[in-house]
Amino acid sequence: MTKNVAKGNNKKLAVKLLFAVVGMFAFGFALVPLYDVICDITGLNGKTGGRVEVAEAGQLIEEDREVTVQFIAHQNVEMGWEFKPSANQMRVKPGEVHVVHYRVSNPRDTLMVGQAIPSVAPNAAAGHLNKIECFCFAEQPLQAGETVDMALRFFVDPRLPEEITKLTLSYTLYDITEKSKTAAVASR
């Protein structure tokens, strides 16, 4: 009887461990979308969740205040593109429209399509950096060996809290060639 009890306990333990492993796998699989949802809701990691305020062209410019805007381009090693801003930082007056370019090159021997994903830090500034025209709004197809300068027109909202004197706009380029309709049309 003791062997049967031990055998039954071992089966119960094995089943519990199997459920634990399956549960951990499911949690790990769901973690990325869950993180994105939390970031969109709370504004963490500089994600604005698609909340865009439409700005008026003749907005008041704060002449007596300047904010430093830093520009960062993250290299996606798997993609292989060269990606960098024309300026590492700018001093801007809130409300004033500025343009900065990002140069991107496709050194590969095939057409590739990229998509830039922005992030703004600190989190409290994410809703105050307004992009009027941005290469991040659309897919960016580049032919083999092609180099382009992509424009970003932006302004810092005058309602940016006074204690924020520096903000960072960071872009990461991702390879979306396989998912892109642009690549499918261009390859025909």
C-alpha atoms as a PDB file:
ATOM      1  CA  MET A   1       0.000   0.000   0.000  1.00  0.00           C
ATOM      2  CA  THR A   2       2.886   2.388   0.689  1.00  0.00           C
ATOM      3  CA  LYS A   3       4.254   1.930  -2.838  1.00  0.00           C
ATOM      4  CA  ASN A   4       0.819   2.706  -4.313  1.00  0.00           C
ATOM      5  CA  VAL A   5       0.505   5.853  -2.171  1.00  0.00           C
ATOM      6  CA  ALA A   6       4.005   6.983  -3.177  1.00  0.00           C
ATOM      7  CA  LYS A   7       3.235   6.256  -6.841  1.00  0.00           C
ATOM      8  CA  GLY A   8       0.005   8.299  -6.597  1.00  0.00           C
ATOM      9  CA  ASN A   9       1.841  11.175  -4.921  1.00  0.00           C
ATOM     10  CA  ASN A  10       4.509  11.111  -7.644  1.00  0.00           C
ATOM     11  CA  LYS A  11       1.836  11.317 -10.356  1.00  0.00           C
ATOM     12  CA  LYS A  12       0.159  14.249  -8.605  1.00  0.00           C
ATOM     13  CA  LEU A  13       3.509  16.017  -8.277  1.00  0.00           C
ATOM     14  CA  ALA A  14       4.347  15.381 -11.945  1.00  0.00           C
ATOM     15  CA  VAL A  15       0.971  16.781 -13.050  1.00  0.00           C
ATOM     16  CA  LYS A  16       1.394  19.870 -10.832  1.00  0.00           C
ATOM     17  CA  LEU A  17       4.905  20.467 -12.195  1.00  0.00           C
ATOM     18  CA  LEU A  18       3.658  20.068 -15.770  1.00  0.00           C
ATOM     19  CA  PHE A  19       0.923  22.657 -15.141  1.00  0.00           C
ATOM     20  CA  ALA A  20       3.511  24.980 -13.575  1.00  0.00           C
ATOM     21  CA  VAL A  21       5.754  24.706 -16.658  1.00  0.00           C
ATOM     22  CA  VAL A  22       2.835  25.287 -19.051  1.00  0.00           C
ATOM     23  CA  GLY A  23       1.682  28.244 -16.930  1.00  0.00           C
ATOM     24  CA  MET A  24       5.158  29.812 -16.937  1.00  0.00           C
ATOM     25  CA  PHE A  25       5.409  29.392 -20.711  1.00  0.00           C
ATOM     26  CA  ALA A  26       1.987  30.990 -21.236  1.00  0.00           C
ATOM     27  CA  PHE A  27       2.875  33.880 -18.920  1.00  0.00           C
ATOM     28  CA  GLY A  28       6.180  34.446 -20.738  1.00  0.00           C
ATOM     29  CA  PHE A  29       4.395  34.386 -24.094  1.00  0.00           C
ATOM     30  CA  ALA A  30       1.775  36.914 -22.919  1.00  0.00           C
ATOM     31  CA  LEU A  31       4.277  39.218 -21.214  1.00  0.00           C
ATOM     32  CA  VAL A  32       5.228  41.297 -24.287  1.00  0.00           C
ATOM     33  CA  PRO A  33       1.679  42.241 -25.337  1.00  0.00           C
ATOM     34  CA  LEU A  34       0.753  42.798 -21.696  1.00  0.00           C
ATOM     35  CA  TYR A  35       3.744  45.127 -21.261  1.00  0.00           C
ATOM     36  CA  ASP A  36       2.752  47.083 -24.396  1.00  0.00           C
ATOM     37  CA  VAL A  37      -0.804  47.521 -23.096  1.00  0.00           C
ATOM     38  CA  ILE A  38       0.437  48.725 -19.701  1.00  0.00           C
ATOM     39  CA  CYS A  39       2.862  51.165 -21.383  1.00  0.00           C
ATOM     40  CA  ASP A  40       0.106  52.519 -23.644  1.00  0.00           C
ATOM     41  CA  ILE A  41      -2.266  53.031 -20.719  1.00  0.00           C
ATOM     42  CA  THR A  42       0.231  54.576 -18.308  1.00  0.00           C
ATOM     43  CA  GLY A  43       2.601  56.309 -20.741  1.00  0.00           C
ATOM     44  CA  LEU A  44       5.554  54.332 -19.393  1.00  0.00           C
ATOM     45  CA  ASN A  45       8.610  53.972 -21.637  1.00  0.00           C
ATOM     46  CA  GLY A  46       7.592  57.105 -23.530  1.00  0.00           C
ATOM     47  CA  LYS A  47       4.818  55.381 -25.456  1.00  0.00           C
ATOM     48  CA  THR A  48       1.929  57.674 -26.186  1.00  0.00           C
ATOM     49  CA  GLY A  49      -0.485  54.926 -27.207  1.00  0.00           C
ATOM     50  CA  GLY A  50      -1.504  56.716 -30.367  1.00  0.00           C
ATOM     51  CA  ARG A  51      -2.843  59.670 -28.401  1.00  0.00           C
ATOM     52  CA  VAL A  52      -1.950  62.574 -30.635  1.00  0.00           C
ATOM     53  CA  GLU A  53      -2.923  66.159 -30.032  1.00  0.00           C
ATOM     54  CA  VAL A  54      -3.420  68.165 -33.181  1.00  0.00           C
ATOM     55  CA  ALA A  55      -1.525  71.403 -32.889  1.00  0.00           C
ATOM     56  CA  GLU A  56      -2.421  74.684 -34.464  1.00  0.00           C
ATOM     57  CA  ALA A  57       0.129  76.219 -36.821  1.00  0.00           C
ATOM     58  CA  GLY A  58       0.107  79.662 -35.214  1.00  0.00           C
ATOM     59  CA  GLN A  59       0.703  78.432 -31.695  1.00  0.00           C
ATOM     60  CA  LEU A  60       2.299  80.826 -29.207  1.00  0.00           C
ATOM     61  CA  ILE A  61       6.095  80.509 -28.993  1.00  0.00           C
ATOM     62  CA  GLU A  62       7.673  80.857 -25.553  1.00  0.00           C
ATOM     63  CA  GLU A  63      10.567  83.215 -26.323  1.00  0.00           C
ATOM     64  CA  ASP A  64      11.945  83.217 -22.764  1.00  0.00           C
ATOM     65  CA  ARG A  65      12.284  79.441 -22.377  1.00  0.00           C
ATOM     66  CA  GLU A  66      14.471  76.813 -24.040  1.00  0.00           C
ATOM     67  CA  VAL A  67      14.336  73.036 -23.889  1.00  0.00           C
ATOM     68  CA  THR A  68      17.059  70.651 -25.021  1.00  0.00           C
ATOM     69  CA  VAL A  69      15.819  67.886 -27.308  1.00  0.00           C
ATOM     70  CA  GLN A  70      18.198  64.952 -27.766  1.00  0.00           C
ATOM     71  CA  PHE A  71      17.912  62.661 -30.783  1.00  0.00           C
ATOM     72  CA  ILE A  72      18.925  59.011 -30.636  1.00  0.00           C
ATOM     73  CA  ALA A  73      18.822  56.360 -33.362  1.00  0.00           C
ATOM     74  CA  HIS A  74      19.116  52.784 -32.159  1.00  0.00           C
ATOM     75  CA  GLN A  75      20.871  50.441 -34.544  1.00  0.00           C
ATOM     76  CA  ASN A  76      18.947  47.237 -35.103  1.00  0.00           C
ATOM     77  CA  VAL A  77      21.812  44.776 -35.539  1.00  0.00           C
ATOM     78  CA  GLU A  78      19.638  42.151 -37.232  1.00  0.00           C
ATOM     79  CA  MET A  79      18.476  44.658 -39.835  1.00  0.00           C
ATOM     80  CA  GLY A  80      21.918  45.916 -40.785  1.00  0.00           C
ATOM     81  CA  TRP A  81      20.820  49.418 -41.794  1.00  0.00           C
ATOM     82  CA  GLU A  82      22.879  52.468 -40.892  1.00  0.00           C
ATOM     83  CA  PHE A  83      20.675  54.959 -39.058  1.00  0.00           C
ATOM     84  CA  LYS A  84      21.636  58.269 -37.416  1.00  0.00           C
ATOM     85  CA  PRO A  85      20.254  61.760 -36.763  1.00  0.00           C
ATOM     86  CA  SER A  86      21.730  64.851 -38.446  1.00  0.00           C
ATOM     87  CA  ALA A  87      21.998  66.483 -35.007  1.00  0.00           C
ATOM     88  CA  ASN A  88      22.494  64.841 -31.626  1.00  0.00           C
ATOM     89  CA  GLN A  89      20.586  67.597 -29.847  1.00  0.00           C
ATOM     90  CA  MET A  90      18.862  70.955 -30.347  1.00  0.00           C
ATOM     91  CA  ARG A  91      17.903  73.844 -28.113  1.00  0.00           C
ATOM     92  CA  VAL A  92      14.302  74.729 -28.953  1.00  0.00           C
ATOM     93  CA  LYS A  93      11.725  77.202 -27.762  1.00  0.00           C
ATOM     94  CA  PRO A  94       8.384  75.584 -26.866  1.00  0.00           C
ATOM     95  CA  GLY A  95       5.861  76.200 -29.647  1.00  0.00           C
ATOM     96  CA  GLU A  96       8.512  76.746 -32.336  1.00  0.00           C
ATOM     97  CA  VAL A  97       8.547  74.276 -35.252  1.00  0.00           C
ATOM     98  CA  HIS A  98      11.883  72.588 -36.010  1.00  0.00           C
ATOM     99  CA  VAL A  99      13.134  70.079 -38.563  1.00  0.00           C
ATOM    100  CA  VAL A 100      15.768  67.412 -38.025  1.00  0.00           C
ATOM    101  CA  HIS A 101      16.773  64.704 -40.487  1.00  0.00           C
ATOM    102  CA  TYR A 102      17.696  61.102 -39.913  1.00  0.00           C
ATOM    103  CA  ARG A 103      19.963  59.501 -42.505  1.00  0.00           C
ATOM    104  CA  VAL A 104      19.305  55.860 -43.233  1.00  0.00           C
ATOM    105  CA  SER A 105      21.228  53.536 -45.552  1.00  0.00           C
ATOM    106  CA  ASN A 106      20.469  50.025 -46.724  1.00  0.00           C
ATOM    107  CA  PRO A 107      23.868  48.367 -47.322  1.00  0.00           C
ATOM    108  CA  ARG A 108      22.216  45.035 -48.138  1.00  0.00           C
ATOM    109  CA  ASP A 109      21.870  43.745 -51.691  1.00  0.00           C
ATOM    110  CA  THR A 110      18.082  43.516 -51.549  1.00  0.00           C
ATOM    111  CA  LEU A 111      15.037  45.742 -51.018  1.00  0.00           C
ATOM    112  CA  MET A 112      14.132  46.070 -47.348  1.00  0.00           C
ATOM    113  CA  VAL A 113      11.302  47.863 -45.570  1.00  0.00           C
ATOM    114  CA  GLY A 114      11.767  49.445 -42.153  1.00  0.00           C
ATOM    115  CA  GLN A 115       9.429  50.953 -39.591  1.00  0.00           C
ATOM    116  CA  ALA A 116      10.663  53.437 -36.997  1.00  0.00           C
ATOM    117  CA  ILE A 117       9.179  53.210 -33.508  1.00  0.00           C
ATOM    118  CA  PRO A 118       9.571  56.338 -31.339  1.00  0.00           C
ATOM    119  CA  SER A 119      10.015  56.607 -27.609  1.00  0.00           C
ATOM    120  CA  VAL A 120      10.177  59.806 -25.550  1.00  0.00           C
ATOM    121  CA  ALA A 121      11.851  60.265 -22.179  1.00  0.00           C
ATOM    122  CA  PRO A 122      11.085  61.370 -19.547  1.00  0.00           C
ATOM    123  CA  ASN A 123       7.642  59.805 -19.565  1.00  0.00           C
ATOM    124  CA  ALA A 124       5.965  63.062 -18.548  1.00  0.00           C
ATOM    125  CA  ALA A 125       7.233  64.693 -21.770  1.00  0.00           C
ATOM    126  CA  ALA A 126       5.813  62.052 -24.134  1.00  0.00           C
ATOM    127  CA  GLY A 127       2.549  63.903 -24.692  1.00  0.00           C
ATOM    128  CA  HIS A 128       4.310  67.247 -25.172  1.00  0.00           C
ATOM    129  CA  LEU A 129       6.587  66.383 -28.102  1.00  0.00           C
ATOM    130  CA  ASN A 130       4.371  66.861 -31.135  1.00  0.00           C
ATOM    131  CA  LYS A 131       5.452  65.366 -34.441  1.00  0.00           C
ATOM    132  CA  ILE A 132       3.878  67.219 -37.381  1.00  0.00           C
ATOM    133  CA  GLU A 133       5.638  65.204 -40.083  1.00  0.00           C
ATOM    134  CA  CYS A 134       7.566  62.058 -39.243  1.00  0.00           C
ATOM    135  CA  PHE A 135       9.127  59.150 -41.069  1.00  0.00           C
ATOM    136  CA  CYS A 136       7.732  57.011 -38.242  1.00  0.00           C
ATOM    137  CA  PHE A 137       4.209  57.553 -39.612  1.00  0.00           C
ATOM    138  CA  ALA A 138       4.845  55.230 -42.577  1.00  0.00           C
ATOM    139  CA  GLU A 139       6.866  52.257 -43.751  1.00  0.00           C
ATOM    140  CA  GLN A 140      10.280  53.139 -45.182  1.00  0.00           C
ATOM    141  CA  PRO A 141      11.222  51.008 -48.212  1.00  0.00           C
ATOM    142  CA  LEU A 142      14.869  51.240 -49.277  1.00  0.00           C
ATOM    143  CA  GLN A 143      16.336  49.633 -52.362  1.00  0.00           C
ATOM    144  CA  ALA A 144      19.669  47.821 -52.143  1.00  0.00           C
ATOM    145  CA  GLY A 145      22.446  50.347 -51.462  1.00  0.00           C
ATOM    146  CA  GLU A 146      20.009  53.280 -51.183  1.00  0.00           C
ATOM    147  CA  THR A 147      20.556  56.162 -48.733  1.00  0.00           C
ATOM    148  CA  VAL A 148      17.869  58.702 -47.828  1.00  0.00           C
ATOM    149  CA  ASP A 149      17.429  61.601 -45.425  1.00  0.00           C
ATOM    150  CA  MET A 150      14.114  61.299 -43.608  1.00  0.00           C
ATOM    151  CA  ALA A 151      12.544  64.427 -42.144  1.00  0.00           C
ATOM    152  CA  LEU A 152      11.032  64.953 -38.734  1.00  0.00           C
ATOM    153  CA  ARG A 153       9.071  68.208 -38.191  1.00  0.00           C
ATOM    154  CA  PHE A 154       8.192  68.724 -34.569  1.00  0.00           C
ATOM    155  CA  PHE A 155       7.564  71.200 -31.796  1.00  0.00           C
ATOM    156  CA  VAL A 156       7.540  71.024 -28.028  1.00  0.00           C
ATOM    157  CA  ASP A 157       4.176  71.925 -26.538  1.00  0.00           C
ATOM    158  CA  PRO A 158       4.364  75.134 -24.455  1.00  0.00           C
ATOM    159  CA  ARG A 159       2.375  73.272 -21.771  1.00  0.00           C
ATOM    160  CA  LEU A 160       5.453  71.113 -21.078  1.00  0.00           C
ATOM    161  CA  PRO A 161       6.027  71.279 -17.301  1.00  0.00           C
ATOM    162  CA  GLU A 162       8.646  73.909 -16.375  1.00  0.00           C
ATOM    163  CA  GLU A 163      10.795  71.386 -14.486  1.00  0.00           C
ATOM    164  CA  ILE A 164      11.441  69.419 -17.698  1.00  0.00           C
ATOM    165  CA  THR A 165      14.355  71.106 -19.428  1.00  0.00           C
ATOM    166  CA  LYS A 166      15.635  68.161 -21.441  1.00  0.00           C
ATOM    167  CA  LEU A 167      13.843  65.433 -23.329  1.00  0.00           C
ATOM    168  CA  THR A 168      15.052  62.576 -25.478  1.00  0.00           C
ATOM    169  CA  LEU A 169      13.437  61.338 -28.675  1.00  0.00           C
ATOM    170  CA  SER A 170      14.650  57.871 -29.484  1.00  0.00           C
ATOM    171  CA  TYR A 171      13.887  55.809 -32.586  1.00  0.00           C
ATOM    172  CA  THR A 172      14.471  52.134 -33.238  1.00  0.00           C
ATOM    173  CA  LEU A 173      14.155  50.841 -36.798  1.00  0.00           C
ATOM    174  CA  TYR A 174      12.636  47.407 -37.268  1.00  0.00           C
ATOM    175  CA  ASP A 175      12.717  45.190 -40.344  1.00  0.00           C
ATOM    176  CA  ILE A 176       9.135  44.687 -41.510  1.00  0.00           C
ATOM    177  CA  THR A 177       9.973  43.492 -45.026  1.00  0.00           C
ATOM    178  CA  GLU A 178       8.111  40.201 -44.604  1.00  0.00           C
ATOM    179  CA  LYS A 179       4.973  41.894 -43.245  1.00  0.00           C
ATOM    180  CA  SER A 180       5.004  44.857 -45.609  1.00  0.00           C
ATOM    181  CA  LYS A 181       2.595  45.452 -48.458  1.00  0.00           C
ATOM    182  CA  THR A 182       5.109  47.968 -49.845  1.00  0.00           C
ATOM    183  CA  ALA A 183       7.734  45.261 -50.287  1.00  0.00           C
ATOM    184  CA  ALA A 184       5.206  42.951 -51.947  1.00  0.00           C
ATOM    185  CA  VAL A 185       4.241  45.624 -54.491  1.00  0.00           C
ATOM    186  CA  ALA A 186       7.849  46.729 -55.136  1.00  0.00           C
ATOM    187  CA  SER A 187       9.061  43.191 -55.780  1.00  0.00           C
ATOM    188  CA  ARG A 188       6.504  42.585 -58.576  1.00  0.00           C
END
